[in-house]
C-alpha cells in the first residue's frame, strides 16, 4: 500500500470489515498495535512519501495473531528505543512501550524497517484461519 495515512485507514477498515469478529479486549489491542506500526511506517519510516510502499500481512493461527509490517524507509535504531525508558505522559516516543505492553512478542529486522508482532488472543476467539488479510498491493 502507498505510505499514506489514508491508505492505512482504508487497510484497517477493510481488515476489521473482512476479518473474523474479535472480542472487545482483543479488538482494542489489535487495533492499537496495527495503528501504531502502520502509522510509524508512514510517518517515521517513509516520511509520508506516497511513492514509498508499506507491506502488511496478518495471520491468525492457533489462537495467535501475527502482524508483520515492512516499509521502504531506512529503518531506525530499535535497540536504542528498546533501552529507552518510556514516559507515557510524553506526546511521542511511546510506541515501543505500547508494543511491548500489548504484543506478546516484538521482533525487528536488523535495519529496523520491518517489525513482526505476535498477540495471543485470549477468550473465546480461536480461529483456524491461516491467512486472514494481506495489504501488499
N, C-alpha and C. Protein backbone atom coordinates (compact mmCIF):
# COMPACT_ATOMS: atom_id res chain seq x y z
N UNK A 1 0.85 -1.17 0.00
CA UNK A 1 0.00 0.00 0.00
C UNK A 1 0.89 1.23 0.00
N UNK A 2 0.41 2.34 -0.55
CA UNK A 2 1.22 3.56 -0.52
C UNK A 2 1.38 4.06 0.92
N UNK A 3 2.49 4.72 1.17
CA UNK A 3 2.81 5.20 2.52
C UNK A 3 2.05 6.48 2.83
N UNK A 4 0.72 6.34 2.98
CA UNK A 4 -0.13 7.47 3.37
C UNK A 4 -1.02 7.03 4.52
N UNK A 5 -1.40 7.99 5.35
CA UNK A 5 -2.30 7.67 6.45
C UNK A 5 -3.67 7.25 5.93
N UNK A 6 -4.11 7.82 4.82
CA UNK A 6 -5.38 7.42 4.22
C UNK A 6 -5.38 5.96 3.81
N UNK A 7 -4.27 5.51 3.22
CA UNK A 7 -4.18 4.11 2.80
C UNK A 7 -4.19 3.18 4.01
N UNK A 8 -3.54 3.58 5.11
CA UNK A 8 -3.54 2.72 6.30
C UNK A 8 -4.93 2.68 6.93
N UNK A 9 -5.65 3.80 6.90
CA UNK A 9 -7.02 3.81 7.43
C UNK A 9 -7.92 2.88 6.61
N UNK A 10 -7.75 2.91 5.30
CA UNK A 10 -8.53 2.04 4.43
C UNK A 10 -8.19 0.57 4.70
N UNK A 11 -6.91 0.28 4.88
CA UNK A 11 -6.47 -1.08 5.18
C UNK A 11 -7.09 -1.56 6.50
N UNK A 12 -7.06 -0.72 7.53
CA UNK A 12 -7.64 -1.09 8.82
C UNK A 12 -9.14 -1.33 8.70
N UNK A 13 -9.84 -0.44 7.99
CA UNK A 13 -11.28 -0.61 7.81
C UNK A 13 -11.58 -1.92 7.09
N UNK A 14 -10.81 -2.22 6.03
CA UNK A 14 -11.00 -3.48 5.30
C UNK A 14 -10.74 -4.68 6.20
N UNK A 15 -9.67 -4.61 6.99
CA UNK A 15 -9.34 -5.74 7.87
C UNK A 15 -10.48 -6.00 8.85
N UNK A 16 -10.95 -4.97 9.53
CA UNK A 16 -11.99 -5.20 10.55
C UNK A 16 -13.34 -5.52 9.93
N UNK A 17 -13.58 -5.13 8.68
CA UNK A 17 -14.81 -5.50 8.00
C UNK A 17 -14.76 -6.96 7.54
N UNK A 18 -13.59 -7.43 7.09
CA UNK A 18 -13.47 -8.76 6.48
C UNK A 18 -12.96 -9.84 7.42
N UNK A 19 -12.42 -9.46 8.56
CA UNK A 19 -11.84 -10.46 9.45
C UNK A 19 -12.90 -11.03 10.39
N UNK A 20 -12.58 -12.16 10.99
CA UNK A 20 -13.49 -12.72 11.99
C UNK A 20 -13.62 -11.74 13.16
N UNK A 21 -14.76 -11.81 13.81
CA UNK A 21 -15.01 -10.90 14.93
C UNK A 21 -14.05 -11.18 16.08
N UNK A 22 -13.49 -10.12 16.60
CA UNK A 22 -12.64 -10.21 17.79
C UNK A 22 -13.46 -9.78 18.99
N UNK A 23 -13.20 -10.38 20.15
CA UNK A 23 -13.88 -9.89 21.34
C UNK A 23 -13.34 -8.50 21.67
N UNK A 24 -13.99 -7.81 22.56
CA UNK A 24 -13.69 -6.40 22.83
C UNK A 24 -12.23 -6.16 23.23
N UNK A 25 -11.71 -6.95 24.15
CA UNK A 25 -10.34 -6.76 24.62
C UNK A 25 -9.33 -6.99 23.51
N UNK A 26 -9.54 -8.03 22.73
CA UNK A 26 -8.61 -8.30 21.63
C UNK A 26 -8.73 -7.27 20.53
N UNK A 27 -9.93 -6.83 20.22
CA UNK A 27 -10.10 -5.82 19.17
C UNK A 27 -9.35 -4.55 19.54
N UNK A 28 -9.48 -4.10 20.80
CA UNK A 28 -8.77 -2.90 21.23
C UNK A 28 -7.27 -3.07 21.05
N UNK A 29 -6.72 -4.17 21.55
CA UNK A 29 -5.28 -4.41 21.49
C UNK A 29 -4.79 -4.53 20.05
N UNK A 30 -5.52 -5.28 19.22
CA UNK A 30 -5.13 -5.48 17.83
C UNK A 30 -5.18 -4.16 17.07
N UNK A 31 -6.24 -3.40 17.27
CA UNK A 31 -6.34 -2.11 16.57
C UNK A 31 -5.23 -1.16 17.02
N UNK A 32 -4.94 -1.12 18.31
CA UNK A 32 -3.87 -0.28 18.82
C UNK A 32 -2.52 -0.68 18.21
N UNK A 33 -2.23 -1.97 18.20
CA UNK A 33 -0.97 -2.45 17.63
C UNK A 33 -0.87 -2.13 16.14
N UNK A 34 -1.94 -2.39 15.41
CA UNK A 34 -1.91 -2.15 13.97
C UNK A 34 -1.77 -0.66 13.66
N UNK A 35 -2.51 0.16 14.36
CA UNK A 35 -2.41 1.62 14.14
C UNK A 35 -1.01 2.12 14.45
N UNK A 36 -0.43 1.63 15.52
CA UNK A 36 0.90 2.08 15.92
C UNK A 36 1.94 1.73 14.87
N UNK A 37 1.99 0.47 14.44
CA UNK A 37 3.04 0.08 13.50
C UNK A 37 2.80 0.67 12.10
N UNK A 38 1.56 0.76 11.67
CA UNK A 38 1.28 1.34 10.35
C UNK A 38 1.56 2.84 10.33
N UNK A 39 1.14 3.55 11.37
CA UNK A 39 1.41 4.98 11.45
C UNK A 39 2.91 5.25 11.52
N UNK A 40 3.63 4.46 12.31
CA UNK A 40 5.08 4.62 12.38
C UNK A 40 5.73 4.38 11.01
N UNK A 41 5.25 3.38 10.29
CA UNK A 41 5.80 3.09 8.97
C UNK A 41 5.58 4.27 8.02
N UNK A 42 4.41 4.89 8.07
CA UNK A 42 4.11 6.03 7.20
C UNK A 42 4.92 7.25 7.61
N UNK A 43 4.78 7.64 8.88
CA UNK A 43 5.33 8.92 9.35
C UNK A 43 6.85 8.86 9.53
N UNK A 44 7.33 7.85 10.21
CA UNK A 44 8.76 7.78 10.52
C UNK A 44 9.55 7.03 9.46
N UNK A 45 9.03 5.89 9.02
CA UNK A 45 9.76 5.08 8.06
C UNK A 45 9.80 5.70 6.68
N UNK A 46 8.65 6.07 6.15
CA UNK A 46 8.56 6.58 4.77
C UNK A 46 8.44 8.10 4.70
N UNK A 47 8.40 8.75 5.84
CA UNK A 47 8.31 10.22 5.89
C UNK A 47 7.13 10.73 5.06
N UNK A 48 6.01 10.01 5.12
CA UNK A 48 4.76 10.32 4.41
C UNK A 48 4.98 10.53 2.90
N UNK A 49 5.91 9.82 2.33
CA UNK A 49 6.18 9.87 0.89
C UNK A 49 5.28 8.84 0.20
N UNK A 50 4.24 9.28 -0.52
CA UNK A 50 3.30 8.34 -1.13
C UNK A 50 3.92 7.47 -2.23
N UNK A 51 5.13 7.82 -2.68
CA UNK A 51 5.82 6.98 -3.66
C UNK A 51 6.48 5.77 -3.01
N UNK A 52 6.61 5.79 -1.68
CA UNK A 52 7.15 4.64 -0.97
C UNK A 52 6.01 3.71 -0.59
N UNK A 53 6.36 2.46 -0.28
CA UNK A 53 5.36 1.43 0.00
C UNK A 53 5.49 0.86 1.40
N UNK A 54 4.36 0.40 1.91
CA UNK A 54 4.29 -0.33 3.17
C UNK A 54 3.67 -1.68 2.85
N UNK A 55 4.24 -2.72 3.40
CA UNK A 55 3.68 -4.06 3.24
C UNK A 55 3.24 -4.56 4.60
N UNK A 56 2.04 -5.11 4.64
CA UNK A 56 1.50 -5.61 5.90
C UNK A 56 0.81 -6.94 5.66
N UNK A 57 1.10 -7.89 6.53
CA UNK A 57 0.48 -9.20 6.44
C UNK A 57 -0.01 -9.58 7.83
N UNK A 58 -1.22 -10.10 7.90
CA UNK A 58 -1.81 -10.52 9.17
C UNK A 58 -2.24 -11.97 9.05
N UNK A 59 -1.94 -12.75 10.07
CA UNK A 59 -2.35 -14.16 10.08
C UNK A 59 -2.84 -14.53 11.47
N UNK A 60 -3.86 -15.35 11.48
CA UNK A 60 -4.35 -15.91 12.74
C UNK A 60 -4.16 -17.41 12.65
N UNK A 61 -3.47 -17.94 13.65
CA UNK A 61 -3.22 -19.38 13.67
C UNK A 61 -3.06 -19.81 15.12
N UNK A 62 -3.72 -20.86 15.50
CA UNK A 62 -3.60 -21.45 16.84
C UNK A 62 -3.78 -20.42 17.94
N UNK A 63 -4.78 -19.55 17.77
CA UNK A 63 -5.08 -18.59 18.82
C UNK A 63 -4.10 -17.44 18.93
N UNK A 64 -3.29 -17.24 17.89
CA UNK A 64 -2.34 -16.12 17.90
C UNK A 64 -2.50 -15.31 16.62
N UNK A 65 -2.38 -14.01 16.75
CA UNK A 65 -2.39 -13.13 15.60
C UNK A 65 -0.97 -12.65 15.35
N UNK A 66 -0.51 -12.80 14.12
CA UNK A 66 0.80 -12.32 13.72
C UNK A 66 0.59 -11.09 12.84
N UNK A 67 1.26 -10.00 13.15
CA UNK A 67 1.21 -8.76 12.38
C UNK A 67 2.63 -8.49 11.90
N UNK A 68 2.83 -8.47 10.59
CA UNK A 68 4.15 -8.18 10.03
C UNK A 68 4.04 -6.95 9.14
N UNK A 69 4.87 -5.95 9.42
CA UNK A 69 4.86 -4.69 8.66
C UNK A 69 6.29 -4.36 8.25
N UNK A 70 6.44 -3.99 6.99
CA UNK A 70 7.74 -3.56 6.47
C UNK A 70 7.51 -2.31 5.62
N UNK A 71 8.44 -1.36 5.70
CA UNK A 71 8.32 -0.15 4.89
C UNK A 71 9.58 0.07 4.08
N UNK A 72 9.51 1.00 3.13
CA UNK A 72 10.63 1.32 2.25
C UNK A 72 11.60 2.32 2.88
N UNK A 73 11.42 2.64 4.14
CA UNK A 73 12.30 3.60 4.81
C UNK A 73 13.66 3.02 5.14
N UNK A 74 14.50 3.86 5.72
CA UNK A 74 15.87 3.47 6.06
C UNK A 74 15.96 2.68 7.35
N UNK A 75 14.90 2.65 8.13
CA UNK A 75 14.90 1.94 9.40
C UNK A 75 15.26 2.87 10.56
N UNK A 76 15.30 2.29 11.75
CA UNK A 76 15.65 3.06 12.94
C UNK A 76 16.39 2.16 13.91
N UNK A 77 17.00 2.78 14.90
CA UNK A 77 17.77 2.04 15.89
C UNK A 77 16.82 1.51 16.97
N UNK A 78 16.23 0.37 16.71
CA UNK A 78 15.25 -0.19 17.64
C UNK A 78 15.90 -0.63 18.94
N UNK A 79 17.18 -0.93 18.91
CA UNK A 79 17.87 -1.33 20.14
C UNK A 79 17.91 -0.17 21.13
N UNK A 80 18.19 1.03 20.62
CA UNK A 80 18.20 2.23 21.48
C UNK A 80 16.80 2.52 22.00
N UNK A 81 15.80 2.36 21.13
CA UNK A 81 14.41 2.59 21.55
C UNK A 81 14.00 1.60 22.63
N UNK A 82 14.42 0.36 22.50
CA UNK A 82 14.09 -0.66 23.50
C UNK A 82 14.73 -0.34 24.84
N UNK A 83 15.95 0.19 24.82
CA UNK A 83 16.67 0.50 26.06
C UNK A 83 16.15 1.77 26.73
N UNK A 84 15.46 2.62 25.95
CA UNK A 84 14.97 3.90 26.46
C UNK A 84 13.74 3.69 27.35
N UNK A 85 13.74 4.28 28.53
CA UNK A 85 12.57 4.21 29.42
C UNK A 85 11.44 5.02 28.79
N UNK A 86 10.25 4.45 28.75
CA UNK A 86 9.11 5.10 28.13
C UNK A 86 8.35 5.90 29.17
N UNK A 87 8.08 7.16 28.84
CA UNK A 87 7.25 8.02 29.68
C UNK A 87 5.92 8.18 28.94
N UNK A 88 4.89 7.52 29.43
CA UNK A 88 3.61 7.52 28.73
C UNK A 88 2.89 8.86 28.79
N UNK A 89 3.41 9.81 29.56
CA UNK A 89 2.82 11.14 29.56
C UNK A 89 3.38 12.00 28.43
N UNK A 90 4.46 11.54 27.76
CA UNK A 90 5.01 12.26 26.61
C UNK A 90 4.05 12.19 25.43
N UNK A 91 4.16 13.17 24.54
CA UNK A 91 3.32 13.20 23.34
C UNK A 91 3.82 12.28 22.24
N UNK A 92 5.09 11.90 22.29
CA UNK A 92 5.65 10.99 21.29
C UNK A 92 6.69 10.11 21.97
N UNK A 93 7.14 9.09 21.23
CA UNK A 93 8.16 8.20 21.77
C UNK A 93 7.62 7.08 22.63
N UNK A 94 6.30 6.87 22.58
CA UNK A 94 5.68 5.83 23.41
C UNK A 94 5.45 4.53 22.67
N UNK A 95 5.68 4.52 21.35
CA UNK A 95 5.32 3.39 20.52
C UNK A 95 5.94 2.07 20.93
N UNK A 96 7.24 2.07 21.18
CA UNK A 96 7.90 0.81 21.54
C UNK A 96 7.35 0.27 22.87
N UNK A 97 7.02 1.15 23.78
CA UNK A 97 6.44 0.73 25.04
C UNK A 97 5.05 0.14 24.87
N UNK A 98 4.25 0.77 24.01
CA UNK A 98 2.91 0.24 23.73
C UNK A 98 2.99 -1.14 23.08
N UNK A 99 3.93 -1.30 22.16
CA UNK A 99 4.08 -2.60 21.51
C UNK A 99 4.44 -3.67 22.53
N UNK A 100 5.34 -3.33 23.44
CA UNK A 100 5.75 -4.32 24.45
C UNK A 100 4.61 -4.67 25.40
N UNK A 101 3.71 -3.73 25.66
CA UNK A 101 2.59 -4.00 26.57
C UNK A 101 1.52 -4.85 25.88
N UNK A 102 1.17 -4.53 24.65
CA UNK A 102 0.02 -5.16 24.00
C UNK A 102 0.36 -6.34 23.10
N UNK A 103 1.62 -6.52 22.77
CA UNK A 103 2.03 -7.69 21.97
C UNK A 103 2.78 -8.64 22.88
N UNK A 104 2.63 -9.92 22.64
CA UNK A 104 3.37 -10.92 23.40
C UNK A 104 4.80 -11.06 22.90
N UNK A 105 5.01 -10.69 21.64
CA UNK A 105 6.35 -10.76 21.07
C UNK A 105 6.51 -9.61 20.08
N UNK A 106 7.67 -8.97 20.12
CA UNK A 106 8.00 -7.88 19.20
C UNK A 106 9.39 -8.16 18.65
N UNK A 107 9.50 -8.26 17.32
CA UNK A 107 10.80 -8.51 16.69
C UNK A 107 10.99 -7.58 15.51
N UNK A 108 12.16 -6.97 15.44
CA UNK A 108 12.52 -6.09 14.34
C UNK A 108 13.58 -6.79 13.49
N UNK A 109 13.65 -6.39 12.21
CA UNK A 109 14.78 -6.85 11.41
C UNK A 109 16.00 -6.02 11.81
N UNK A 110 17.16 -6.39 11.32
CA UNK A 110 18.41 -5.73 11.73
C UNK A 110 18.41 -4.24 11.41
N UNK A 111 17.85 -3.87 10.28
CA UNK A 111 17.85 -2.47 9.83
C UNK A 111 16.83 -1.64 10.61
N UNK A 112 15.73 -2.24 11.02
CA UNK A 112 14.70 -1.51 11.74
C UNK A 112 13.60 -0.96 10.85
N UNK A 113 13.44 -1.51 9.65
CA UNK A 113 12.33 -1.08 8.80
C UNK A 113 11.27 -2.17 8.64
N UNK A 114 11.33 -3.19 9.49
CA UNK A 114 10.32 -4.25 9.50
C UNK A 114 10.14 -4.72 10.93
N UNK A 115 8.89 -4.96 11.29
CA UNK A 115 8.58 -5.43 12.63
C UNK A 115 7.54 -6.55 12.52
N UNK A 116 7.69 -7.54 13.37
CA UNK A 116 6.71 -8.62 13.47
C UNK A 116 6.23 -8.67 14.91
N UNK A 117 4.92 -8.64 15.07
CA UNK A 117 4.29 -8.70 16.38
C UNK A 117 3.47 -9.97 16.48
N UNK A 118 3.43 -10.54 17.67
CA UNK A 118 2.56 -11.68 17.94
C UNK A 118 1.69 -11.29 19.13
N UNK A 119 0.39 -11.46 18.95
CA UNK A 119 -0.57 -11.21 20.02
C UNK A 119 -1.33 -12.50 20.25
N UNK A 120 -1.23 -13.04 21.48
CA UNK A 120 -2.03 -14.21 21.83
C UNK A 120 -3.45 -13.73 22.08
N UNK A 121 -4.39 -14.36 21.41
CA UNK A 121 -5.78 -13.96 21.50
C UNK A 121 -6.44 -14.68 22.66
N UNK A 122 -6.84 -13.94 23.64
CA UNK A 122 -7.46 -14.52 24.84
C UNK A 122 -8.95 -14.71 24.60
N UNK A 123 -9.57 -15.43 25.48
CA UNK A 123 -11.02 -15.60 25.43
C UNK A 123 -11.45 -16.66 24.46
N UNK A 124 -12.65 -16.47 23.90
CA UNK A 124 -13.25 -17.47 23.04
C UNK A 124 -12.79 -17.40 21.60
N UNK A 125 -11.98 -16.42 21.25
CA UNK A 125 -11.59 -16.23 19.86
C UNK A 125 -10.40 -17.10 19.52
N UNK A 126 -10.63 -18.24 18.91
CA UNK A 126 -9.57 -19.14 18.47
C UNK A 126 -9.89 -19.59 17.05
N UNK A 127 -9.49 -18.81 16.07
CA UNK A 127 -9.79 -19.11 14.68
C UNK A 127 -8.77 -20.07 14.10
N UNK A 128 -9.22 -20.91 13.19
CA UNK A 128 -8.33 -21.83 12.48
C UNK A 128 -7.82 -21.21 11.19
N UNK A 129 -8.30 -20.01 10.84
CA UNK A 129 -7.88 -19.39 9.58
C UNK A 129 -6.38 -19.12 9.62
N UNK A 130 -5.74 -19.34 8.49
CA UNK A 130 -4.30 -19.10 8.43
C UNK A 130 -3.98 -17.75 7.81
N UNK A 131 -4.48 -17.45 6.64
CA UNK A 131 -4.23 -16.16 6.01
C UNK A 131 -5.48 -15.32 6.18
N UNK A 132 -5.40 -14.33 7.05
CA UNK A 132 -6.57 -13.51 7.31
C UNK A 132 -6.65 -12.35 6.34
N UNK A 133 -5.57 -11.65 6.17
CA UNK A 133 -5.63 -10.43 5.37
C UNK A 133 -4.23 -10.03 5.00
N UNK A 134 -4.06 -9.50 3.83
CA UNK A 134 -2.74 -9.05 3.38
C UNK A 134 -2.88 -7.73 2.64
N UNK A 135 -2.04 -6.78 2.98
CA UNK A 135 -2.08 -5.47 2.34
C UNK A 135 -0.81 -5.22 1.56
N UNK A 136 -0.47 -6.10 0.68
CA UNK A 136 0.78 -5.99 -0.07
C UNK A 136 0.54 -5.53 -1.50
N UNK A 137 -0.51 -4.75 -1.73
CA UNK A 137 -0.80 -4.32 -3.10
C UNK A 137 0.06 -3.15 -3.51
